[in-house]
PDB file of all heavy atoms in Angstrom:
ATOM      1  N   SER A   1       0.823  -1.211   0.000  1.00  0.00           N
ATOM      2  CA  SER A   1       0.000   0.000   0.000  1.00  0.00           C
ATOM      3  C   SER A   1       0.856   1.260   0.000  1.00  0.00           C
ATOM      4  O   SER A   1       0.505   2.268  -0.616  1.00  0.00           O
ATOM      5  CB  SER A   1      -0.948  -0.007   1.204  1.00  0.00           C
ATOM      6  OG  SER A   1      -1.922  -1.015   1.059  1.00  0.00           O
ATOM      7  N   ARG A   2       1.998   1.211   0.684  1.00  0.00           N
ATOM      8  CA  ARG A   2       2.872   2.389   0.694  1.00  0.00           C
ATOM      9  C   ARG A   2       3.535   2.600  -0.657  1.00  0.00           C
ATOM     10  O   ARG A   2       3.741   3.739  -1.085  1.00  0.00           O
ATOM     11  CB  ARG A   2       3.912   2.244   1.804  1.00  0.00           C
ATOM     12  CG  ARG A   2       3.298   2.369   3.192  1.00  0.00           C
ATOM     13  CD  ARG A   2       4.195   1.817   4.276  1.00  0.00           C
ATOM     14  NE  ARG A   2       3.563   1.868   5.581  1.00  0.00           N
ATOM     15  CZ  ARG A   2       3.884   1.118   6.611  1.00  0.00           C
ATOM     16  NH1 ARG A   2       4.869   0.213   6.478  1.00  0.00           N
ATOM     17  NH2 ARG A   2       3.254   1.212   7.761  1.00  0.00           N
ATOM     18  N   LEU A   3       3.879   1.505  -1.361  1.00  0.00           N
ATOM     19  CA  LEU A   3       4.388   1.656  -2.722  1.00  0.00           C
ATOM     20  C   LEU A   3       3.296   2.199  -3.635  1.00  0.00           C
ATOM     21  O   LEU A   3       3.560   3.054  -4.497  1.00  0.00           O
ATOM     22  CB  LEU A   3       4.902   0.325  -3.253  1.00  0.00           C
ATOM     23  CG  LEU A   3       5.449   0.340  -4.689  1.00  0.00           C
ATOM     24  CD1 LEU A   3       6.613   1.317  -4.835  1.00  0.00           C
ATOM     25  CD2 LEU A   3       5.873  -1.062  -5.114  1.00  0.00           C
ATOM     26  N   ALA A   4       2.061   1.734  -3.445  1.00  0.00           N
ATOM     27  CA  ALA A   4       0.931   2.268  -4.221  1.00  0.00           C
ATOM     28  C   ALA A   4       0.789   3.768  -4.008  1.00  0.00           C
ATOM     29  O   ALA A   4       0.529   4.527  -4.954  1.00  0.00           O
ATOM     30  CB  ALA A   4      -0.357   1.548  -3.833  1.00  0.00           C
ATOM     31  N   LEU A   5       0.960   4.205  -2.761  1.00  0.00           N
ATOM     32  CA  LEU A   5       0.902   5.636  -2.460  1.00  0.00           C
ATOM     33  C   LEU A   5       1.959   6.401  -3.243  1.00  0.00           C
ATOM     34  O   LEU A   5       1.681   7.429  -3.880  1.00  0.00           O
ATOM     35  CB  LEU A   5       1.088   5.849  -0.957  1.00  0.00           C
ATOM     36  CG  LEU A   5       1.256   7.291  -0.477  1.00  0.00           C
ATOM     37  CD1 LEU A   5      -0.015   8.086  -0.715  1.00  0.00           C
ATOM     38  CD2 LEU A   5       1.643   7.316   1.006  1.00  0.00           C
ATOM     39  N   GLY A   6       3.200   5.911  -3.206  1.00  0.00           N
ATOM     40  CA  GLY A   6       4.275   6.594  -3.925  1.00  0.00           C
ATOM     41  C   GLY A   6       4.041   6.619  -5.423  1.00  0.00           C
ATOM     42  O   GLY A   6       4.270   7.643  -6.079  1.00  0.00           O
ATOM     43  N   LEU A   7       3.583   5.506  -5.991  1.00  0.00           N
ATOM     44  CA  LEU A   7       3.321   5.462  -7.436  1.00  0.00           C
ATOM     45  C   LEU A   7       2.204   6.417  -7.812  1.00  0.00           C
ATOM     46  O   LEU A   7       2.280   7.115  -8.831  1.00  0.00           O
ATOM     47  CB  LEU A   7       2.963   4.034  -7.850  1.00  0.00           C
ATOM     48  CG  LEU A   7       4.089   3.002  -7.774  1.00  0.00           C
ATOM     49  CD1 LEU A   7       3.550   1.603  -8.011  1.00  0.00           C
ATOM     50  CD2 LEU A   7       5.184   3.325  -8.793  1.00  0.00           C
ATOM     51  N   ALA A   8       1.149   6.464  -7.002  1.00  0.00           N
ATOM     52  CA  ALA A   8       0.033   7.374  -7.305  1.00  0.00           C
ATOM     53  C   ALA A   8       0.478   8.828  -7.250  1.00  0.00           C
ATOM     54  O   ALA A   8       0.023   9.657  -8.055  1.00  0.00           O
ATOM     55  CB  ALA A   8      -1.108   7.128  -6.322  1.00  0.00           C
ATOM     56  N   GLU A   9       1.385   9.139  -6.327  1.00  0.00           N
ATOM     57  CA  GLU A   9       1.819  10.527  -6.176  1.00  0.00           C
ATOM     58  C   GLU A   9       2.732  10.999  -7.302  1.00  0.00           C
ATOM     59  O   GLU A   9       2.961  12.196  -7.450  1.00  0.00           O
ATOM     60  CB  GLU A   9       2.504  10.707  -4.818  1.00  0.00           C
ATOM     61  CG  GLU A   9       1.527  10.639  -3.647  1.00  0.00           C
ATOM     62  CD  GLU A   9       2.208  10.801  -2.300  1.00  0.00           C
ATOM     63  OE1 GLU A   9       3.460  10.667  -2.247  1.00  0.00           O
ATOM     64  OE2 GLU A   9       1.509  11.056  -1.308  1.00  0.00           O
ATOM     65  N   THR A  10       3.252  10.060  -8.111  1.00  0.00           N
ATOM     66  CA  THR A  10       4.049  10.494  -9.263  1.00  0.00           C
ATOM     67  C   THR A  10       3.189  11.166 -10.323  1.00  0.00           C
ATOM     68  O   THR A  10       3.695  11.934 -11.149  1.00  0.00           O
ATOM     69  CB  THR A  10       4.772   9.295  -9.913  1.00  0.00           C
ATOM     70  OG1 THR A  10       3.808   8.407 -10.502  1.00  0.00           O
ATOM     71  CG2 THR A  10       5.624   8.553  -8.907  1.00  0.00           C
ATOM     72  N   GLY A  11       1.899  10.863 -10.329  1.00  0.00           N
ATOM     73  CA  GLY A  11       1.012  11.393 -11.346  1.00  0.00           C
ATOM     74  C   GLY A  11       1.169  10.711 -12.693  1.00  0.00           C
ATOM     75  O   GLY A  11       0.517  11.102 -13.670  1.00  0.00           O
ATOM     76  N   GLU A  12       2.005   9.670 -12.752  1.00  0.00           N
ATOM     77  CA  GLU A  12       2.266   8.976 -14.017  1.00  0.00           C
ATOM     78  C   GLU A  12       1.741   7.547 -14.029  1.00  0.00           C
ATOM     79  O   GLU A  12       1.896   6.833 -15.016  1.00  0.00           O
ATOM     80  CB  GLU A  12       3.772   8.950 -14.292  1.00  0.00           C
ATOM     81  CG  GLU A  12       4.408  10.322 -14.423  1.00  0.00           C
ATOM     82  CD  GLU A  12       5.912  10.232 -14.633  1.00  0.00           C
ATOM     83  OE1 GLU A  12       6.502   9.198 -14.261  1.00  0.00           O
ATOM     84  OE2 GLU A  12       6.486  11.186 -15.173  1.00  0.00           O
ATOM     85  N   VAL A  13       1.134   7.125 -12.902  1.00  0.00           N
ATOM     86  CA  VAL A  13       0.758   5.724 -12.763  1.00  0.00           C
ATOM     87  C   VAL A  13      -0.685   5.611 -12.281  1.00  0.00           C
ATOM     88  O   VAL A  13      -1.087   6.281 -11.325  1.00  0.00           O
ATOM     89  CB  VAL A  13       1.686   4.991 -11.761  1.00  0.00           C
ATOM     90  CG1 VAL A  13       1.335   3.516 -11.692  1.00  0.00           C
ATOM     91  CG2 VAL A  13       3.149   5.177 -12.143  1.00  0.00           C
ATOM     92  N   GLN A  14      -1.438   4.759 -12.953  1.00  0.00           N
ATOM     93  CA  GLN A  14      -2.739   4.336 -12.450  1.00  0.00           C
ATOM     94  C   GLN A  14      -2.506   3.044 -11.684  1.00  0.00           C
ATOM     95  O   GLN A  14      -2.029   2.060 -12.239  1.00  0.00           O
ATOM     96  CB  GLN A  14      -3.729   4.104 -13.591  1.00  0.00           C
ATOM     97  CG  GLN A  14      -5.097   3.617 -13.119  1.00  0.00           C
ATOM     98  CD  GLN A  14      -6.034   3.305 -14.268  1.00  0.00           C
ATOM     99  OE1 GLN A  14      -5.800   3.727 -15.398  1.00  0.00           O
ATOM    100  NE2 GLN A  14      -7.096   2.562 -13.979  1.00  0.00           N
ATOM    101  N   VAL A  15      -2.850   3.046 -10.398  1.00  0.00           N
ATOM    102  CA  VAL A  15      -2.504   1.927  -9.518  1.00  0.00           C
ATOM    103  C   VAL A  15      -3.755   1.148  -9.149  1.00  0.00           C
ATOM    104  O   VAL A  15      -4.774   1.713  -8.752  1.00  0.00           O
ATOM    105  CB  VAL A  15      -1.813   2.423  -8.236  1.00  0.00           C
ATOM    106  CG1 VAL A  15      -1.329   1.242  -7.403  1.00  0.00           C
ATOM    107  CG2 VAL A  15      -0.650   3.354  -8.563  1.00  0.00           C
ATOM    108  N   ASP A  16      -3.659  -0.181  -9.287  1.00  0.00           N
ATOM    109  CA  ASP A  16      -4.699  -1.097  -8.832  1.00  0.00           C
ATOM    110  C   ASP A  16      -4.134  -1.985  -7.732  1.00  0.00           C
ATOM    111  O   ASP A  16      -3.061  -2.571  -7.902  1.00  0.00           O
ATOM    112  CB  ASP A  16      -5.178  -2.014  -9.963  1.00  0.00           C
ATOM    113  CG  ASP A  16      -5.911  -1.272 -11.067  1.00  0.00           C
ATOM    114  OD1 ASP A  16      -6.205  -0.081 -10.890  1.00  0.00           O
ATOM    115  OD2 ASP A  16      -6.183  -1.902 -12.107  1.00  0.00           O
ATOM    116  N   LEU A  17      -4.838  -2.080  -6.605  1.00  0.00           N
ATOM    117  CA  LEU A  17      -4.550  -3.097  -5.603  1.00  0.00           C
ATOM    118  C   LEU A  17      -5.465  -4.281  -5.888  1.00  0.00           C
ATOM    119  O   LEU A  17      -6.688  -4.147  -5.839  1.00  0.00           O
ATOM    120  CB  LEU A  17      -4.789  -2.569  -4.192  1.00  0.00           C
ATOM    121  CG  LEU A  17      -3.803  -1.528  -3.652  1.00  0.00           C
ATOM    122  CD1 LEU A  17      -4.172  -1.165  -2.229  1.00  0.00           C
ATOM    123  CD2 LEU A  17      -2.371  -2.045  -3.707  1.00  0.00           C
ATOM    124  N   VAL A  18      -4.891  -5.414  -6.216  1.00  0.00           N
ATOM    125  CA  VAL A  18      -5.661  -6.616  -6.532  1.00  0.00           C
ATOM    126  C   VAL A  18      -5.553  -7.529  -5.319  1.00  0.00           C
ATOM    127  O   VAL A  18      -4.475  -8.047  -5.006  1.00  0.00           O
ATOM    128  CB  VAL A  18      -5.117  -7.300  -7.802  1.00  0.00           C
ATOM    129  CG1 VAL A  18      -5.969  -8.504  -8.161  1.00  0.00           C
ATOM    130  CG2 VAL A  18      -5.079  -6.308  -8.964  1.00  0.00           C
ATOM    131  N   CYS A  19      -6.678  -7.725  -4.611  1.00  0.00           N
ATOM    132  CA  CYS A  19      -6.647  -8.350  -3.284  1.00  0.00           C
ATOM    133  C   CYS A  19      -7.421  -9.661  -3.267  1.00  0.00           C
ATOM    134  O   CYS A  19      -8.456  -9.792  -3.921  1.00  0.00           O
ATOM    135  CB  CYS A  19      -7.266  -7.409  -2.256  1.00  0.00           C
ATOM    136  SG  CYS A  19      -6.538  -5.757  -2.221  1.00  0.00           S
ATOM    137  N   TYR A  20      -6.926 -10.602  -2.471  1.00  0.00           N
ATOM    138  CA  TYR A  20      -7.675 -11.824  -2.238  1.00  0.00           C
ATOM    139  C   TYR A  20      -8.108 -11.909  -0.779  1.00  0.00           C
ATOM    140  O   TYR A  20      -8.148 -12.975  -0.176  1.00  0.00           O
ATOM    141  CB  TYR A  20      -6.888 -13.067  -2.679  1.00  0.00           C
ATOM    142  CG  TYR A  20      -5.461 -13.181  -2.206  1.00  0.00           C
ATOM    143  CD1 TYR A  20      -5.120 -13.946  -1.106  1.00  0.00           C
ATOM    144  CD2 TYR A  20      -4.430 -12.549  -2.887  1.00  0.00           C
ATOM    145  CE1 TYR A  20      -3.821 -14.069  -0.677  1.00  0.00           C
ATOM    146  CE2 TYR A  20      -3.108 -12.669  -2.483  1.00  0.00           C
ATOM    147  CZ  TYR A  20      -2.812 -13.431  -1.375  1.00  0.00           C
ATOM    148  OH  TYR A  20      -1.511 -13.545  -0.961  1.00  0.00           O
ATOM    149  N   SER A  21      -8.471 -10.775  -0.199  1.00  0.00           N
ATOM    150  CA  SER A  21      -9.118 -10.710   1.105  1.00  0.00           C
ATOM    151  C   SER A  21     -10.103  -9.552   1.061  1.00  0.00           C
ATOM    152  O   SER A  21     -10.110  -8.758   0.117  1.00  0.00           O
ATOM    153  CB  SER A  21      -8.104 -10.493   2.225  1.00  0.00           C
ATOM    154  OG  SER A  21      -7.733  -9.132   2.314  1.00  0.00           O
ATOM    155  N   GLU A  22     -10.925  -9.452   2.084  1.00  0.00           N
ATOM    156  CA  GLU A  22     -11.926  -8.391   2.134  1.00  0.00           C
ATOM    157  C   GLU A  22     -11.500  -7.234   3.029  1.00  0.00           C
ATOM    158  O   GLU A  22     -12.298  -6.344   3.312  1.00  0.00           O
ATOM    159  CB  GLU A  22     -13.266  -8.954   2.619  1.00  0.00           C
ATOM    160  CG  GLU A  22     -13.911  -9.934   1.650  1.00  0.00           C
ATOM    161  CD  GLU A  22     -14.183  -9.303   0.277  1.00  0.00           C
ATOM    162  OE1 GLU A  22     -14.625  -8.147   0.239  1.00  0.00           O
ATOM    163  OE2 GLU A  22     -13.934  -9.982  -0.731  1.00  0.00           O
ATOM    164  N   ASP A  23     -10.245  -7.226   3.497  1.00  0.00           N
ATOM    165  CA  ASP A  23      -9.787  -6.130   4.353  1.00  0.00           C
ATOM    166  C   ASP A  23      -9.884  -4.806   3.611  1.00  0.00           C
ATOM    167  O   ASP A  23      -9.573  -4.729   2.418  1.00  0.00           O
ATOM    168  CB  ASP A  23      -8.347  -6.365   4.793  1.00  0.00           C
ATOM    169  CG  ASP A  23      -8.209  -7.545   5.739  1.00  0.00           C
ATOM    170  OD1 ASP A  23      -9.204  -7.899   6.389  1.00  0.00           O
ATOM    171  OD2 ASP A  23      -7.100  -8.104   5.827  1.00  0.00           O
ATOM    172  N   PRO A  24     -10.263  -3.748   4.302  1.00  0.00           N
ATOM    173  CA  PRO A  24     -10.345  -2.436   3.651  1.00  0.00           C
ATOM    174  C   PRO A  24      -8.961  -1.861   3.420  1.00  0.00           C
ATOM    175  O   PRO A  24      -8.006  -2.220   4.116  1.00  0.00           O
ATOM    176  CB  PRO A  24     -11.128  -1.600   4.663  1.00  0.00           C
ATOM    177  CG  PRO A  24     -10.766  -2.200   5.991  1.00  0.00           C
ATOM    178  CD  PRO A  24     -10.659  -3.694   5.729  1.00  0.00           C
ATOM    179  N   PRO A  25      -8.830  -0.958   2.454  1.00  0.00           N
ATOM    180  CA  PRO A  25      -7.547  -0.272   2.279  1.00  0.00           C
ATOM    181  C   PRO A  25      -7.303   0.688   3.436  1.00  0.00           C
ATOM    182  O   PRO A  25      -8.247   1.096   4.117  1.00  0.00           O
ATOM    183  CB  PRO A  25      -7.727   0.480   0.958  1.00  0.00           C
ATOM    184  CG  PRO A  25      -9.201   0.688   0.841  1.00  0.00           C
ATOM    185  CD  PRO A  25      -9.837  -0.517   1.478  1.00  0.00           C
ATOM    186  N   PRO A  26      -6.048   1.050   3.694  1.00  0.00           N
ATOM    187  CA  PRO A  26      -5.772   2.007   4.771  1.00  0.00           C
ATOM    188  C   PRO A  26      -6.396   3.358   4.452  1.00  0.00           C
ATOM    189  O   PRO A  26      -6.511   3.752   3.282  1.00  0.00           O
ATOM    190  CB  PRO A  26      -4.240   2.073   4.794  1.00  0.00           C
ATOM    191  CG  PRO A  26      -3.806   1.588   3.456  1.00  0.00           C
ATOM    192  CD  PRO A  26      -4.819   0.603   3.000  1.00  0.00           C
ATOM    193  N   PRO A  27      -6.815   4.110   5.465  1.00  0.00           N
ATOM    194  CA  PRO A  27      -7.525   5.373   5.222  1.00  0.00           C
ATOM    195  C   PRO A  27      -6.686   6.438   4.527  1.00  0.00           C
ATOM    196  O   PRO A  27      -7.240   7.351   3.912  1.00  0.00           O
ATOM    197  CB  PRO A  27      -7.943   5.822   6.633  1.00  0.00           C
ATOM    198  CG  PRO A  27      -7.011   5.099   7.558  1.00  0.00           C
ATOM    199  CD  PRO A  27      -6.708   3.797   6.904  1.00  0.00           C
ATOM    200  N   TRP A  28      -5.353   6.317   4.596  1.00  0.00           N
ATOM    201  CA  TRP A  28      -4.500   7.339   3.990  1.00  0.00           C
ATOM    202  C   TRP A  28      -4.244   7.088   2.508  1.00  0.00           C
ATOM    203  O   TRP A  28      -3.618   7.904   1.833  1.00  0.00           O
ATOM    204  CB  TRP A  28      -3.161   7.419   4.720  1.00  0.00           C
ATOM    205  CG  TRP A  28      -2.536   6.110   5.066  1.00  0.00           C
ATOM    206  CD1 TRP A  28      -2.560   5.492   6.275  1.00  0.00           C
ATOM    207  CD2 TRP A  28      -1.786   5.241   4.201  1.00  0.00           C
ATOM    208  NE1 TRP A  28      -1.881   4.292   6.222  1.00  0.00           N
ATOM    209  CE2 TRP A  28      -1.396   4.116   4.959  1.00  0.00           C
ATOM    210  CE3 TRP A  28      -1.405   5.317   2.857  1.00  0.00           C
ATOM    211  CZ2 TRP A  28      -0.652   3.073   4.424  1.00  0.00           C
ATOM    212  CZ3 TRP A  28      -0.666   4.275   2.319  1.00  0.00           C
ATOM    213  CH2 TRP A  28      -0.299   3.176   3.089  1.00  0.00           C
ATOM    214  N   LEU A  29      -4.738   5.965   1.972  1.00  0.00           N
ATOM    215  CA  LEU A  29      -4.503   5.668   0.565  1.00  0.00           C
ATOM    216  C   LEU A  29      -5.381   6.574  -0.293  1.00  0.00           C
ATOM    217  O   LEU A  29      -6.587   6.693  -0.053  1.00  0.00           O
ATOM    218  CB  LEU A  29      -4.829   4.199   0.283  1.00  0.00           C
ATOM    219  CG  LEU A  29      -4.154   3.567  -0.932  1.00  0.00           C
ATOM    220  CD1 LEU A  29      -2.644   3.530  -0.744  1.00  0.00           C
ATOM    221  CD2 LEU A  29      -4.674   2.153  -1.147  1.00  0.00           C
ATOM    222  N   PRO A  30      -4.824   7.231  -1.313  1.00  0.00           N
ATOM    223  CA  PRO A  30      -5.630   8.163  -2.121  1.00  0.00           C
ATOM    224  C   PRO A  30      -6.728   7.441  -2.899  1.00  0.00           C
ATOM    225  O   PRO A  30      -6.598   6.260  -3.239  1.00  0.00           O
ATOM    226  CB  PRO A  30      -4.604   8.803  -3.058  1.00  0.00           C
ATOM    227  CG  PRO A  30      -3.437   7.893  -3.060  1.00  0.00           C
ATOM    228  CD  PRO A  30      -3.413   7.208  -1.732  1.00  0.00           C
ATOM    229  N   ASP A  31      -7.790   8.169  -3.186  1.00  0.00           N
ATOM    230  CA  ASP A  31      -8.917   7.592  -3.919  1.00  0.00           C
ATOM    231  C   ASP A  31      -8.541   7.173  -5.335  1.00  0.00           C
ATOM    232  O   ASP A  31      -9.264   6.382  -5.957  1.00  0.00           O
ATOM    233  CB  ASP A  31     -10.076   8.598  -3.975  1.00  0.00           C
ATOM    234  CG  ASP A  31     -10.669   8.882  -2.599  1.00  0.00           C
ATOM    235  OD1 ASP A  31     -10.503   8.025  -1.706  1.00  0.00           O
ATOM    236  OD2 ASP A  31     -11.270   9.960  -2.422  1.00  0.00           O
ATOM    237  N   THR A  32      -7.446   7.703  -5.849  1.00  0.00           N
ATOM    238  CA  THR A  32      -7.037   7.340  -7.205  1.00  0.00           C
ATOM    239  C   THR A  32      -6.538   5.898  -7.296  1.00  0.00           C
ATOM    240  O   THR A  32      -6.396   5.362  -8.398  1.00  0.00           O
ATOM    241  CB  THR A  32      -5.934   8.289  -7.697  1.00  0.00           C
ATOM    242  OG1 THR A  32      -4.856   8.292  -6.736  1.00  0.00           O
ATOM    243  CG2 THR A  32      -6.473   9.703  -7.860  1.00  0.00           C
ATOM    244  N   VAL A  33      -6.250   5.269  -6.151  1.00  0.00           N
ATOM    245  CA  VAL A  33      -5.834   3.869  -6.138  1.00  0.00           C
ATOM    246  C   VAL A  33      -7.081   2.992  -6.114  1.00  0.00           C
ATOM    247  O   VAL A  33      -7.877   3.054  -5.173  1.00  0.00           O
ATOM    248  CB  VAL A  33      -4.936   3.557  -4.925  1.00  0.00           C
ATOM    249  CG1 VAL A  33      -4.592   2.075  -4.875  1.00  0.00           C
ATOM    250  CG2 VAL A  33      -3.668   4.389  -4.984  1.00  0.00           C
ATOM    251  N   SER A  34      -7.260   2.175  -7.140  1.00  0.00           N
ATOM    252  CA  SER A  34      -8.429   1.310  -7.225  1.00  0.00           C
ATOM    253  C   SER A  34      -8.166  -0.001  -6.502  1.00  0.00           C
ATOM    254  O   SER A  34      -7.039  -0.500  -6.491  1.00  0.00           O
ATOM    255  CB  SER A  34      -8.769   1.023  -8.695  1.00  0.00           C
ATOM    256  OG  SER A  34      -9.023   2.222  -9.400  1.00  0.00           O
ATOM    257  N   VAL A  35      -9.207  -0.569  -5.915  1.00  0.00           N
ATOM    258  CA  VAL A  35      -9.114  -1.852  -5.232  1.00  0.00           C
ATOM    259  C   VAL A  35      -9.993  -2.853  -5.974  1.00  0.00           C
ATOM    260  O   VAL A  35     -11.192  -2.634  -6.152  1.00  0.00           O
ATOM    261  CB  VAL A  35      -9.554  -1.742  -3.763  1.00  0.00           C
ATOM    262  CG1 VAL A  35      -9.496  -3.116  -3.087  1.00  0.00           C
ATOM    263  CG2 VAL A  35      -8.666  -0.750  -3.019  1.00  0.00           C
ATOM    264  N   HIS A  36      -9.387  -3.934  -6.433  1.00  0.00           N
ATOM    265  CA  HIS A  36     -10.100  -5.005  -7.139  1.00  0.00           C
ATOM    266  C   HIS A  36     -10.076  -6.250  -6.269  1.00  0.00           C
ATOM    267  O   HIS A  36      -9.014  -6.697  -5.834  1.00  0.00           O
ATOM    268  CB  HIS A  36      -9.451  -5.294  -8.494  1.00  0.00           C
ATOM    269  CG  HIS A  36      -9.543  -4.169  -9.468  1.00  0.00           C
ATOM    270  ND1 HIS A  36     -10.447  -4.142 -10.509  1.00  0.00           N
ATOM    271  CD2 HIS A  36      -8.860  -3.004  -9.545  1.00  0.00           C
ATOM    272  CE1 HIS A  36     -10.303  -3.027 -11.189  1.00  0.00           C
ATOM    273  NE2 HIS A  36      -9.348  -2.321 -10.621  1.00  0.00           N
TER     274      HIS A  36
END
């Protein structure tokens, strides 16, 4: 999730978290990061 944060902040990357659990993303993760 922290790498996703850094990639999203570059403004050059669309980031997807692809998860095999139902845990929610951390509250500090930007909305631009999609969760699948």
